[in-house]
PDB file of N, CA and C in Angstrom:
ATOM      1  N   MET A   1     -29.923 -11.693   5.663  1.00  0.00           N
ATOM      2  CA  MET A   1     -28.517 -11.512   5.342  1.00  0.00           C
ATOM      3  C   MET A   1     -28.249 -12.052   3.934  1.00  0.00           C
ATOM      4  N   ALA A   2     -27.309 -11.466   3.280  1.00  0.00           N
ATOM      5  CA  ALA A   2     -26.946 -11.844   1.913  1.00  0.00           C
ATOM      6  C   ALA A   2     -26.389 -13.265   1.861  1.00  0.00           C
ATOM      7  N   ASP A   3     -26.434 -13.840   0.687  1.00  0.00           N
ATOM      8  CA  ASP A   3     -25.874 -15.171   0.451  1.00  0.00           C
ATOM      9  C   ASP A   3     -24.360 -15.027   0.297  1.00  0.00           C
ATOM     10  N   ILE A   4     -23.622 -15.414   1.321  1.00  0.00           N
ATOM     11  CA  ILE A   4     -22.174 -15.236   1.321  1.00  0.00           C
ATOM     12  C   ILE A   4     -21.512 -16.594   1.167  1.00  0.00           C
ATOM     13  N   ARG A   5     -20.893 -16.782   0.009  1.00  0.00           N
ATOM     14  CA  ARG A   5     -20.250 -18.060  -0.304  1.00  0.00           C
ATOM     15  C   ARG A   5     -18.740 -17.956  -0.447  1.00  0.00           C
ATOM     16  N   THR A   6     -18.237 -16.743  -0.640  1.00  0.00           N
ATOM     17  CA  THR A   6     -16.805 -16.556  -0.855  1.00  0.00           C
ATOM     18  C   THR A   6     -16.308 -15.377  -0.030  1.00  0.00           C
ATOM     19  N   LEU A   7     -15.019 -15.281   0.059  1.00  0.00           N
ATOM     20  CA  LEU A   7     -14.397 -14.144   0.742  1.00  0.00           C
ATOM     21  C   LEU A   7     -14.794 -12.834   0.060  1.00  0.00           C
ATOM     22  N   LEU A   8     -14.858 -12.842  -1.268  1.00  0.00           N
ATOM     23  CA  LEU A   8     -15.254 -11.627  -1.986  1.00  0.00           C
ATOM     24  C   LEU A   8     -16.706 -11.255  -1.711  1.00  0.00           C
ATOM     25  N   ASP A   9     -17.578 -12.250  -1.540  1.00  0.00           N
ATOM     26  CA  ASP A   9     -18.972 -11.970  -1.160  1.00  0.00           C
ATOM     27  C   ASP A   9     -19.012 -11.252   0.185  1.00  0.00           C
ATOM     28  N   ALA A  10     -18.194 -11.729   1.119  1.00  0.00           N
ATOM     29  CA  ALA A  10     -18.154 -11.118   2.445  1.00  0.00           C
ATOM     30  C   ALA A  10     -17.632  -9.686   2.359  1.00  0.00           C
ATOM     31  N   CYS A  11     -16.599  -9.476   1.557  1.00  0.00           N
ATOM     32  CA  CYS A  11     -16.067  -8.112   1.362  1.00  0.00           C
ATOM     33  C   CYS A  11     -17.135  -7.200   0.780  1.00  0.00           C
ATOM     34  N   ARG A  12     -17.828  -7.681  -0.226  1.00  0.00           N
ATOM     35  CA  ARG A  12     -18.884  -6.878  -0.859  1.00  0.00           C
ATOM     36  C   ARG A  12     -19.966  -6.524   0.156  1.00  0.00           C
ATOM     37  N   PHE A  13     -20.411  -7.497   0.946  1.00  0.00           N
ATOM     38  CA  PHE A  13     -21.459  -7.267   1.932  1.00  0.00           C
ATOM     39  C   PHE A  13     -21.052  -6.164   2.911  1.00  0.00           C
ATOM     40  N   VAL A  14     -19.850  -6.254   3.446  1.00  0.00           N
ATOM     41  CA  VAL A  14     -19.375  -5.257   4.409  1.00  0.00           C
ATOM     42  C   VAL A  14     -19.256  -3.885   3.754  1.00  0.00           C
ATOM     43  N   LEU A  15     -18.666  -3.834   2.572  1.00  0.00           N
ATOM     44  CA  LEU A  15     -18.492  -2.543   1.903  1.00  0.00           C
ATOM     45  C   LEU A  15     -19.814  -1.919   1.492  1.00  0.00           C
ATOM     46  N   GLU A  16     -20.815  -2.738   1.134  1.00  0.00           N
ATOM     47  CA  GLU A  16     -22.131  -2.197   0.803  1.00  0.00           C
ATOM     48  C   GLU A  16     -22.743  -1.497   2.005  1.00  0.00           C
ATOM     49  N   HIS A  17     -22.552  -2.072   3.173  1.00  0.00           N
ATOM     50  CA  HIS A  17     -23.142  -1.504   4.375  1.00  0.00           C
ATOM     51  C   HIS A  17     -22.297  -0.376   4.977  1.00  0.00           C
ATOM     52  N   GLN A  18     -21.019  -0.380   4.693  1.00  0.00           N
ATOM     53  CA  GLN A  18     -20.140   0.666   5.207  1.00  0.00           C
ATOM     54  C   GLN A  18     -20.237   1.923   4.353  1.00  0.00           C
ATOM     55  N   GLY A  19     -20.267   1.751   3.039  1.00  0.00           N
ATOM     56  CA  GLY A  19     -20.444   2.874   2.134  1.00  0.00           C
ATOM     57  C   GLY A  19     -19.185   3.611   1.721  1.00  0.00           C
ATOM     58  N   GLU A  20     -18.055   3.293   2.329  1.00  0.00           N
ATOM     59  CA  GLU A  20     -16.816   3.968   1.936  1.00  0.00           C
ATOM     60  C   GLU A  20     -15.668   2.973   1.940  1.00  0.00           C
ATOM     61  N   ALA A  21     -14.583   3.352   1.299  1.00  0.00           N
ATOM     62  CA  ALA A  21     -13.418   2.473   1.197  1.00  0.00           C
ATOM     63  C   ALA A  21     -12.858   2.180   2.585  1.00  0.00           C
ATOM     64  N   GLN A  22     -12.329   0.965   2.732  1.00  0.00           N
ATOM     65  CA  GLN A  22     -11.767   0.521   4.005  1.00  0.00           C
ATOM     66  C   GLN A  22     -10.482  -0.255   3.756  1.00  0.00           C
ATOM     67  N   SER A  23      -9.685  -0.396   4.790  1.00  0.00           N
ATOM     68  CA  SER A  23      -8.443  -1.156   4.687  1.00  0.00           C
ATOM     69  C   SER A  23      -8.716  -2.655   4.760  1.00  0.00           C
ATOM     70  N   ALA A  24      -7.759  -3.429   4.258  1.00  0.00           N
ATOM     71  CA  ALA A  24      -7.870  -4.880   4.301  1.00  0.00           C
ATOM     72  C   ALA A  24      -7.939  -5.371   5.747  1.00  0.00           C
ATOM     73  N   SER A  25      -7.190  -4.760   6.638  1.00  0.00           N
ATOM     74  CA  SER A  25      -7.217  -5.191   8.041  1.00  0.00           C
ATOM     75  C   SER A  25      -8.575  -4.905   8.670  1.00  0.00           C
ATOM     76  N   TRP A  26      -9.164  -3.765   8.360  1.00  0.00           N
ATOM     77  CA  TRP A  26     -10.486  -3.435   8.887  1.00  0.00           C
ATOM     78  C   TRP A  26     -11.524  -4.413   8.344  1.00  0.00           C
ATOM     79  N   LEU A  27     -11.457  -4.692   7.053  1.00  0.00           N
ATOM     80  CA  LEU A  27     -12.410  -5.639   6.461  1.00  0.00           C
ATOM     81  C   LEU A  27     -12.313  -7.007   7.123  1.00  0.00           C
ATOM     82  N   ALA A  28     -11.091  -7.516   7.306  1.00  0.00           N
ATOM     83  CA  ALA A  28     -10.899  -8.824   7.939  1.00  0.00           C
ATOM     84  C   ALA A  28     -11.480  -8.820   9.344  1.00  0.00           C
ATOM     85  N   SER A  29     -11.238  -7.756  10.084  1.00  0.00           N
ATOM     86  CA  SER A  29     -11.725  -7.649  11.453  1.00  0.00           C
ATOM     87  C   SER A  29     -13.252  -7.619  11.517  1.00  0.00           C
ATOM     88  N   ILE A  30     -13.865  -6.812  10.693  1.00  0.00           N
ATOM     89  CA  ILE A  30     -15.326  -6.687  10.693  1.00  0.00           C
ATOM     90  C   ILE A  30     -15.994  -7.973  10.216  1.00  0.00           C
ATOM     91  N   MET A  31     -15.431  -8.613   9.188  1.00  0.00           N
ATOM     92  CA  MET A  31     -16.021  -9.865   8.705  1.00  0.00           C
ATOM     93  C   MET A  31     -16.020 -10.926   9.800  1.00  0.00           C
ATOM     94  N   GLU A  32     -14.943 -10.978  10.563  1.00  0.00           N
ATOM     95  CA  GLU A  32     -14.875 -11.946  11.657  1.00  0.00           C
ATOM     96  C   GLU A  32     -15.845 -11.555  12.770  1.00  0.00           C
ATOM     97  N   GLU A  33     -15.886 -10.277  13.103  1.00  0.00           N
ATOM     98  CA  GLU A  33     -16.792  -9.791  14.143  1.00  0.00           C
ATOM     99  C   GLU A  33     -18.256 -10.081  13.793  1.00  0.00           C
ATOM    100  N   MET A  34     -18.602  -9.919  12.520  1.00  0.00           N
ATOM    101  CA  MET A  34     -19.971 -10.169  12.068  1.00  0.00           C
ATOM    102  C   MET A  34     -20.228 -11.656  11.811  1.00  0.00           C
ATOM    103  N   LYS A  35     -19.195 -12.471  12.004  1.00  0.00           N
ATOM    104  CA  LYS A  35     -19.272 -13.913  11.769  1.00  0.00           C
ATOM    105  C   LYS A  35     -19.657 -14.241  10.325  1.00  0.00           C
ATOM    106  N   LEU A  36     -19.119 -13.422   9.397  1.00  0.00           N
ATOM    107  CA  LEU A  36     -19.364 -13.632   7.972  1.00  0.00           C
ATOM    108  C   LEU A  36     -18.304 -14.544   7.369  1.00  0.00           C
ATOM    109  N   TRP A  37     -17.053 -14.271   7.722  1.00  0.00           N
ATOM    110  CA  TRP A  37     -15.925 -14.985   7.115  1.00  0.00           C
ATOM    111  C   TRP A  37     -14.717 -14.790   8.003  1.00  0.00           C
ATOM    112  N   ARG A  38     -13.884 -15.806   8.078  1.00  0.00           N
ATOM    113  CA  ARG A  38     -12.643 -15.685   8.850  1.00  0.00           C
ATOM    114  C   ARG A  38     -11.479 -15.703   7.876  1.00  0.00           C
ATOM    115  N   ALA A  39     -10.791 -14.581   7.798  1.00  0.00           N
ATOM    116  CA  ALA A  39      -9.651 -14.459   6.879  1.00  0.00           C
ATOM    117  C   ALA A  39      -8.674 -13.441   7.444  1.00  0.00           C
ATOM    118  N   SER A  40      -7.427 -13.681   7.179  1.00  0.00           N
ATOM    119  CA  SER A  40      -6.392 -12.744   7.611  1.00  0.00           C
ATOM    120  C   SER A  40      -6.403 -11.513   6.710  1.00  0.00           C
ATOM    121  N   GLU A  41      -5.774 -10.474   7.203  1.00  0.00           N
ATOM    122  CA  GLU A  41      -5.624  -9.250   6.418  1.00  0.00           C
ATOM    123  C   GLU A  41      -4.960  -9.542   5.075  1.00  0.00           C
ATOM    124  N   SER A  42      -3.927 -10.379   5.091  1.00  0.00           N
ATOM    125  CA  SER A  42      -3.207 -10.677   3.846  1.00  0.00           C
ATOM    126  C   SER A  42      -4.081 -11.456   2.863  1.00  0.00           C
ATOM    127  N   ARG A  43      -4.937 -12.348   3.354  1.00  0.00           N
ATOM    128  CA  ARG A  43      -5.848 -13.072   2.455  1.00  0.00           C
ATOM    129  C   ARG A  43      -6.877 -12.139   1.842  1.00  0.00           C
ATOM    130  N   VAL A  44      -7.398 -11.224   2.635  1.00  0.00           N
ATOM    131  CA  VAL A  44      -8.374 -10.254   2.130  1.00  0.00           C
ATOM    132  C   VAL A  44      -7.722  -9.402   1.047  1.00  0.00           C
ATOM    133  N   ARG A  45      -6.535  -8.873   1.343  1.00  0.00           N
ATOM    134  CA  ARG A  45      -5.819  -8.037   0.371  1.00  0.00           C
ATOM    135  C   ARG A  45      -5.532  -8.813  -0.909  1.00  0.00           C
ATOM    136  N   ALA A  46      -5.042 -10.034  -0.772  1.00  0.00           N
ATOM    137  CA  ALA A  46      -4.704 -10.848  -1.952  1.00  0.00           C
ATOM    138  C   ALA A  46      -5.942 -11.140  -2.791  1.00  0.00           C
ATOM    139  N   ALA A  47      -7.052 -11.471  -2.148  1.00  0.00           N
ATOM    140  CA  ALA A  47      -8.288 -11.772  -2.888  1.00  0.00           C
ATOM    141  C   ALA A  47      -8.788 -10.544  -3.645  1.00  0.00           C
ATOM    142  N   LEU A  48      -8.782  -9.406  -2.978  1.00  0.00           N
ATOM    143  CA  LEU A  48      -9.246  -8.178  -3.633  1.00  0.00           C
ATOM    144  C   LEU A  48      -8.304  -7.758  -4.760  1.00  0.00           C
ATOM    145  N   ASP A  49      -6.999  -7.792  -4.503  1.00  0.00           N
ATOM    146  CA  ASP A  49      -6.034  -7.430  -5.548  1.00  0.00           C
ATOM    147  C   ASP A  49      -6.148  -8.350  -6.752  1.00  0.00           C
ATOM    148  N   ARG A  50      -6.307  -9.655  -6.502  1.00  0.00           N
ATOM    149  CA  ARG A  50      -6.425 -10.630  -7.592  1.00  0.00           C
ATOM    150  C   ARG A  50      -7.690 -10.365  -8.415  1.00  0.00           C
ATOM    151  N   ASP A  51      -8.803 -10.102  -7.726  1.00  0.00           N
ATOM    152  CA  ASP A  51     -10.053  -9.831  -8.433  1.00  0.00           C
ATOM    153  C   ASP A  51      -9.937  -8.570  -9.283  1.00  0.00           C
ATOM    154  N   ILE A  52      -9.345  -7.533  -8.735  1.00  0.00           N
ATOM    155  CA  ILE A  52      -9.170  -6.276  -9.475  1.00  0.00           C
ATOM    156  C   ILE A  52      -8.258  -6.492 -10.682  1.00  0.00           C
ATOM    157  N   GLN A  53      -7.172  -7.238 -10.482  1.00  0.00           N
ATOM    158  CA  GLN A  53      -6.232  -7.486 -11.578  1.00  0.00           C
ATOM    159  C   GLN A  53      -6.864  -8.346 -12.671  1.00  0.00           C
ATOM    160  N   GLN A  54      -7.568  -9.402 -12.290  1.00  0.00           N
ATOM    161  CA  GLN A  54      -8.149 -10.319 -13.270  1.00  0.00           C
ATOM    162  C   GLN A  54      -9.347  -9.724 -14.000  1.00  0.00           C
ATOM    163  N   ASN A  55     -10.141  -8.920 -13.308  1.00  0.00           N
ATOM    164  CA  ASN A  55     -11.380  -8.425 -13.899  1.00  0.00           C
ATOM    165  C   ASN A  55     -11.336  -6.971 -14.343  1.00  0.00           C
ATOM    166  N   GLY A  56     -10.301  -6.263 -13.971  1.00  0.00           N
ATOM    167  CA  GLY A  56     -10.154  -4.879 -14.407  1.00  0.00           C
ATOM    168  C   GLY A  56     -11.382  -4.033 -14.137  1.00  0.00           C
ATOM    169  N   GLU A  57     -11.860  -3.356 -15.154  1.00  0.00           N
ATOM    170  CA  GLU A  57     -13.010  -2.452 -15.035  1.00  0.00           C
ATOM    171  C   GLU A  57     -14.308  -3.162 -14.674  1.00  0.00           C
ATOM    172  N   SER A  58     -14.373  -4.483 -14.875  1.00  0.00           N
ATOM    173  CA  SER A  58     -15.603  -5.203 -14.537  1.00  0.00           C
ATOM    174  C   SER A  58     -15.588  -5.746 -13.105  1.00  0.00           C
ATOM    175  N   SER A  59     -14.496  -5.539 -12.385  1.00  0.00           N
ATOM    176  CA  SER A  59     -14.437  -5.939 -10.978  1.00  0.00           C
ATOM    177  C   SER A  59     -15.418  -5.093 -10.172  1.00  0.00           C
ATOM    178  N   LEU A  60     -16.034  -5.707  -9.176  1.00  0.00           N
ATOM    179  CA  LEU A  60     -16.916  -4.962  -8.279  1.00  0.00           C
ATOM    180  C   LEU A  60     -16.120  -4.040  -7.362  1.00  0.00           C
ATOM    181  N   PHE A  61     -14.818  -4.331  -7.239  1.00  0.00           N
ATOM    182  CA  PHE A  61     -13.966  -3.633  -6.283  1.00  0.00           C
ATOM    183  C   PHE A  61     -12.978  -2.704  -6.980  1.00  0.00           C
ATOM    184  N   VAL A  62     -12.528  -1.723  -6.226  1.00  0.00           N
ATOM    185  CA  VAL A  62     -11.527  -0.791  -6.721  1.00  0.00           C
ATOM    186  C   VAL A  62     -10.568  -0.485  -5.578  1.00  0.00           C
ATOM    187  N   LYS A  63      -9.308  -0.314  -5.919  1.00  0.00           N
ATOM    188  CA  LYS A  63      -8.314   0.076  -4.916  1.00  0.00           C
ATOM    189  C   LYS A  63      -8.368   1.587  -4.805  1.00  0.00           C
ATOM    190  N   ALA A  64      -8.530   2.061  -3.576  1.00  0.00           N
ATOM    191  CA  ALA A  64      -8.732   3.491  -3.366  1.00  0.00           C
ATOM    192  C   ALA A  64      -7.623   4.093  -2.511  1.00  0.00           C
ATOM    193  N   GLY A  65      -6.430   3.589  -2.665  1.00  0.00           N
ATOM    194  CA  GLY A  65      -5.297   4.060  -1.882  1.00  0.00           C
ATOM    195  C   GLY A  65      -4.343   2.907  -1.644  1.00  0.00           C
ATOM    196  N   ASP A  66      -3.323   3.148  -0.840  1.00  0.00           N
ATOM    197  CA  ASP A  66      -2.327   2.113  -0.581  1.00  0.00           C
ATOM    198  C   ASP A  66      -2.945   0.817  -0.077  1.00  0.00           C
ATOM    199  N   ASP A  67      -3.827   0.896   0.884  1.00  0.00           N
ATOM    200  CA  ASP A  67      -4.465  -0.296   1.428  1.00  0.00           C
ATOM    201  C   ASP A  67      -5.934  -0.029   1.697  1.00  0.00           C
ATOM    202  N   GLN A  68      -6.581   0.639   0.766  1.00  0.00           N
ATOM    203  CA  GLN A  68      -8.002   0.945   0.882  1.00  0.00           C
ATOM    204  C   GLN A  68      -8.729   0.332  -0.303  1.00  0.00           C
ATOM    205  N   TYR A  69      -9.844  -0.314  -0.017  1.00  0.00           N
ATOM    206  CA  TYR A  69     -10.647  -0.942  -1.057  1.00  0.00           C
ATOM    207  C   TYR A  69     -12.083  -0.487  -0.899  1.00  0.00           C
ATOM    208  N   GLY A  70     -12.739  -0.300  -2.037  1.00  0.00           N
ATOM    209  CA  GLY A  70     -14.132   0.099  -2.020  1.00  0.00           C
ATOM    210  C   GLY A  70     -14.884  -0.572  -3.143  1.00  0.00           C
ATOM    211  N   LEU A  71     -16.163  -0.365  -3.169  1.00  0.00           N
ATOM    212  CA  LEU A  71     -16.996  -0.865  -4.263  1.00  0.00           C
ATOM    213  C   LEU A  71     -16.926   0.125  -5.409  1.00  0.00           C
ATOM    214  N   ARG A  72     -16.683  -0.373  -6.589  1.00  0.00           N
ATOM    215  CA  ARG A  72     -16.571   0.470  -7.769  1.00  0.00           C
ATOM    216  C   ARG A  72     -17.811   1.357  -7.907  1.00  0.00           C
ATOM    217  N   SER A  73     -18.989   0.797  -7.700  1.00  0.00           N
ATOM    218  CA  SER A  73     -20.227   1.556  -7.871  1.00  0.00           C
ATOM    219  C   SER A  73     -20.325   2.728  -6.890  1.00  0.00           C
ATOM    220  N   ARG A  74     -19.797   2.580  -5.709  1.00  0.00           N
ATOM    221  CA  ARG A  74     -19.834   3.654  -4.711  1.00  0.00           C
ATOM    222  C   ARG A  74     -18.739   4.691  -4.945  1.00  0.00           C
ATOM    223  N   MET A  75     -17.603   4.241  -5.454  1.00  0.00           N
ATOM    224  CA  MET A  75     -16.468   5.136  -5.660  1.00  0.00           C
ATOM    225  C   MET A  75     -16.670   6.021  -6.884  1.00  0.00           C
ATOM    226  N   GLU A  76     -17.491   5.582  -7.830  1.00  0.00           N
ATOM    227  CA  GLU A  76     -17.697   6.348  -9.062  1.00  0.00           C
ATOM    228  C   GLU A  76     -18.831   7.345  -8.929  1.00  0.00           C
ATOM    229  N   ASP A  77     -19.619   7.246  -7.856  1.00  0.00           N
ATOM    230  CA  ASP A  77     -20.746   8.179  -7.667  1.00  0.00           C
ATOM    231  C   ASP A  77     -20.282   9.565  -7.348  1.00  0.00           C
TER     232      ASP A  77
END
């Protein structure tokens, strides 16, 4: 399993294995189910939105709809 130290690491891990954009609520649910990270939907959304806003084009994540997030590398393929 990947080295997961932050909420964003957990999001990246799940999205890498899922392969498509997902909602913040789905990500929170799967991360808890996989025992990767425990976070509410609002914390997941806030972390992803903050990372996208702060890092812009260099963020690993991209918003793919109202409440859908994906990996930039997968969304650009």
